[in-house]
Amino acid sequence: MGTMTDDKAKTPSQSTVVTRYLVMPQQANPQGTAFGGAIMAWIDMVAAMAAERHCRTEVVTAGIDSMNFKEPVRIGDHVVLHASVNYVSRSSMEVGVRVTREDPVTGAQAVATTAHLTLVALDENKRPTTAPAILAQTPDEKRRYENARQRVQDRKERRQANGQA
């Protein structure tokens, strides 16, 4: 997928980031579940790492398109974050992040949070710069690319409808 075929183009798997955290008491509310803000910070960090690996430049978060909290994450849970670049425009990239909670004793896992963020590649002067094309290859990568392409189009249409083009 991806229309450009320059030699800097990358597959999503070349920039994927997977990392884990342990939820500690200072990251949780009095009910023992992780603060949404703590999860959001981890999501933003792992999304930026995937975008930087993709474009090999500094990046900045331009927006969070969606964030869905599906399952609570509790103190002591392991949190596995998986970030992949789904789509590239000129300088902006959509990065999808899946957050899985894992019980360290039983190994049981559940998707806790999903998010889609837009990050922008920056040059040495902190100005937007062209990001390498994305080359979706597997059926899953192609599905994520098409879904992201549609979200990007929907965002553009919403901005135009709100006079923010």
Protein backbone atom coordinates (compact mmCIF):
# COMPACT_ATOMS: atom_id res chain seq x y z
CA MET A 1 0.00 0.00 0.00
CA GLY A 2 1.49 3.42 0.43
CA THR A 3 1.86 5.16 -2.89
CA MET A 4 5.47 6.27 -2.67
CA THR A 5 8.14 3.67 -3.31
CA ASP A 6 11.25 5.60 -2.35
CA ASP A 7 14.13 3.74 -0.75
CA LYS A 8 13.32 5.29 2.65
CA ALA A 9 9.85 3.71 2.75
CA LYS A 10 9.31 1.26 5.61
CA THR A 11 6.92 -1.44 6.60
CA PRO A 12 4.99 -0.98 9.86
CA SER A 13 6.94 -3.84 11.43
CA GLN A 14 10.22 -1.94 10.95
CA SER A 15 9.16 0.75 13.40
CA THR A 16 6.84 -1.15 15.75
CA VAL A 17 7.52 -0.60 19.45
CA VAL A 18 6.45 -3.01 22.18
CA THR A 19 7.13 -2.16 25.81
CA ARG A 20 5.81 -3.00 29.26
CA TYR A 21 5.19 -1.25 32.51
CA LEU A 22 4.19 -2.37 35.98
CA VAL A 23 1.31 -0.39 37.49
CA MET A 24 2.46 1.01 40.82
CA PRO A 25 0.32 2.57 43.59
CA GLN A 26 1.34 6.15 42.67
CA GLN A 27 -0.19 5.60 39.20
CA ALA A 28 -3.56 4.53 40.58
CA ASN A 29 -6.63 6.06 42.17
CA PRO A 30 -8.04 5.12 45.61
CA GLN A 31 -9.98 2.26 43.96
CA GLY A 32 -6.70 0.65 42.87
CA THR A 33 -7.09 1.22 39.13
CA ALA A 34 -4.59 3.08 36.98
CA PHE A 35 -5.21 6.74 36.27
CA GLY A 36 -6.25 7.31 32.68
CA GLY A 37 -3.61 10.05 32.52
CA ALA A 38 -0.85 7.58 33.40
CA ILE A 39 -1.99 5.25 30.61
CA MET A 40 -2.25 8.24 28.22
CA ALA A 41 1.32 9.31 29.01
CA TRP A 42 2.61 5.81 28.25
CA ILE A 43 0.58 5.76 25.02
CA ASP A 44 1.99 9.12 23.91
CA MET A 45 5.54 8.00 24.70
CA VAL A 46 5.34 4.68 22.84
CA ALA A 47 3.59 6.32 19.86
CA ALA A 48 6.38 8.90 19.63
CA MET A 49 9.01 6.15 19.75
CA ALA A 50 7.33 4.28 16.87
CA ALA A 51 7.04 7.49 14.82
CA GLU A 52 10.70 8.37 15.48
CA ARG A 53 11.79 4.87 14.47
CA HIS A 54 9.78 5.24 11.27
CA CYS A 55 11.09 8.64 10.18
CA ARG A 56 14.39 8.84 12.13
CA THR A 57 13.65 12.45 13.05
CA GLU A 58 12.25 14.25 16.05
CA VAL A 59 8.44 14.11 16.22
CA VAL A 60 5.68 15.99 17.99
CA THR A 61 2.19 14.80 18.89
CA ALA A 62 -0.36 16.80 16.88
CA GLY A 63 -3.47 15.10 18.19
CA ILE A 64 -5.14 12.10 19.68
CA ASP A 65 -7.93 10.97 17.39
CA SER A 66 -9.40 8.39 19.71
CA MET A 67 -8.72 6.76 23.03
CA ASN A 68 -10.99 4.03 24.30
CA PHE A 69 -10.69 2.60 27.79
CA LYS A 70 -12.16 -0.89 27.57
CA GLU A 71 -10.94 -2.67 30.72
CA PRO A 72 -9.60 -1.39 34.04
CA VAL A 73 -5.91 -1.80 34.77
CA ARG A 74 -5.12 -2.53 38.41
CA ILE A 75 -2.13 -2.00 40.68
CA GLY A 76 0.30 -4.86 40.07
CA ASP A 77 -0.90 -5.55 36.52
CA HIS A 78 1.64 -5.62 33.73
CA VAL A 79 0.76 -3.22 30.93
CA VAL A 80 1.95 -4.15 27.44
CA LEU A 81 1.90 -1.32 24.89
CA HIS A 82 2.15 -2.10 21.19
CA ALA A 83 2.56 0.88 18.80
CA SER A 84 2.66 0.80 15.01
CA VAL A 85 2.67 3.44 12.30
CA ASN A 86 -0.53 2.77 10.35
CA TYR A 87 -0.51 5.57 7.78
CA VAL A 88 1.72 8.39 6.54
CA SER A 89 0.61 11.61 4.85
CA ARG A 90 3.35 14.07 3.95
CA SER A 91 4.80 14.91 7.35
CA SER A 92 2.17 13.40 9.60
CA MET A 93 1.82 9.81 10.70
CA GLU A 94 -1.06 8.00 12.33
CA VAL A 95 0.17 5.67 15.05
CA GLY A 96 -2.10 3.03 16.54
CA VAL A 97 -1.48 1.89 20.11
CA ARG A 98 -2.96 -1.20 21.75
CA VAL A 99 -2.66 -1.48 25.53
CA THR A 100 -3.03 -4.95 26.98
CA ARG A 101 -3.28 -5.63 30.69
CA GLU A 102 -1.71 -8.85 31.89
CA ASP A 103 -2.18 -10.56 35.24
CA PRO A 104 1.38 -11.44 36.31
CA VAL A 105 0.21 -14.51 38.25
CA THR A 106 -2.20 -16.14 35.80
CA GLY A 107 -0.89 -14.62 32.57
CA ALA A 108 -4.47 -13.73 31.59
CA GLN A 109 -4.55 -10.84 29.13
CA ALA A 110 -7.21 -8.40 27.96
CA VAL A 111 -7.08 -5.35 25.70
CA ALA A 112 -7.49 -2.45 28.12
CA THR A 113 -7.13 0.60 25.88
CA THR A 114 -6.77 1.45 22.20
CA ALA A 115 -5.72 4.79 20.75
CA HIS A 116 -4.90 6.51 17.47
CA LEU A 117 -2.53 9.48 17.52
CA THR A 118 -1.24 11.84 14.86
CA LEU A 119 2.44 12.71 15.09
CA VAL A 120 4.40 15.04 12.84
CA ALA A 121 8.00 14.55 11.69
CA LEU A 122 10.22 17.58 12.41
CA ASP A 123 13.47 18.72 10.81
CA GLU A 124 16.45 20.22 12.64
CA ASN A 125 14.66 23.60 12.72
CA LYS A 126 11.57 22.07 14.37
CA ARG A 127 9.57 22.50 11.16
CA PRO A 128 7.42 19.74 9.61
CA THR A 129 9.40 17.58 7.22
CA THR A 130 8.50 14.75 4.87
CA ALA A 131 8.14 11.37 6.55
CA PRO A 132 9.01 8.17 4.68
CA ALA A 133 6.14 6.33 3.02
CA ILE A 134 4.58 3.35 4.74
CA LEU A 135 4.53 0.01 2.93
CA ALA A 136 1.70 -2.07 4.35
CA GLN A 137 2.33 -5.71 3.43
CA THR A 138 0.40 -8.15 5.61
CA PRO A 139 -3.41 -8.35 5.55
CA ASP A 140 -3.49 -6.80 9.05
CA GLU A 141 -1.18 -3.94 8.00
CA LYS A 142 -3.30 -3.32 4.90
CA ARG A 143 -6.50 -3.26 6.99
CA ARG A 144 -4.94 -0.83 9.49
CA TYR A 145 -3.67 1.35 6.61
CA GLU A 146 -7.13 1.57 5.00
CA ASN A 147 -8.85 2.25 8.33
CA ALA A 148 -6.29 4.96 9.12
CA ARG A 149 -6.64 6.47 5.63
CA GLN A 150 -10.38 6.77 6.25
CA ARG A 151 -9.86 8.35 9.69
CA VAL A 152 -7.44 10.90 8.17
CA GLN A 153 -10.06 11.75 5.52
CA ASP A 154 -12.78 12.06 8.19
CA ARG A 155 -10.57 14.41 10.25
CA LYS A 156 -9.95 16.62 7.20
CA GLU A 157 -13.67 16.78 6.46
CA ARG A 158 -14.49 17.69 10.09
CA ARG A 159 -11.86 20.48 10.05
CA GLN A 160 -13.25 21.86 6.77
CA ALA A 161 -16.82 21.72 8.11
CA ASN A 162 -15.67 23.66 11.18
CA GLY A 163 -13.83 26.25 9.07
CA GLN A 164 -10.40 25.04 10.21
CA ALA A 165 -9.05 23.94 6.84
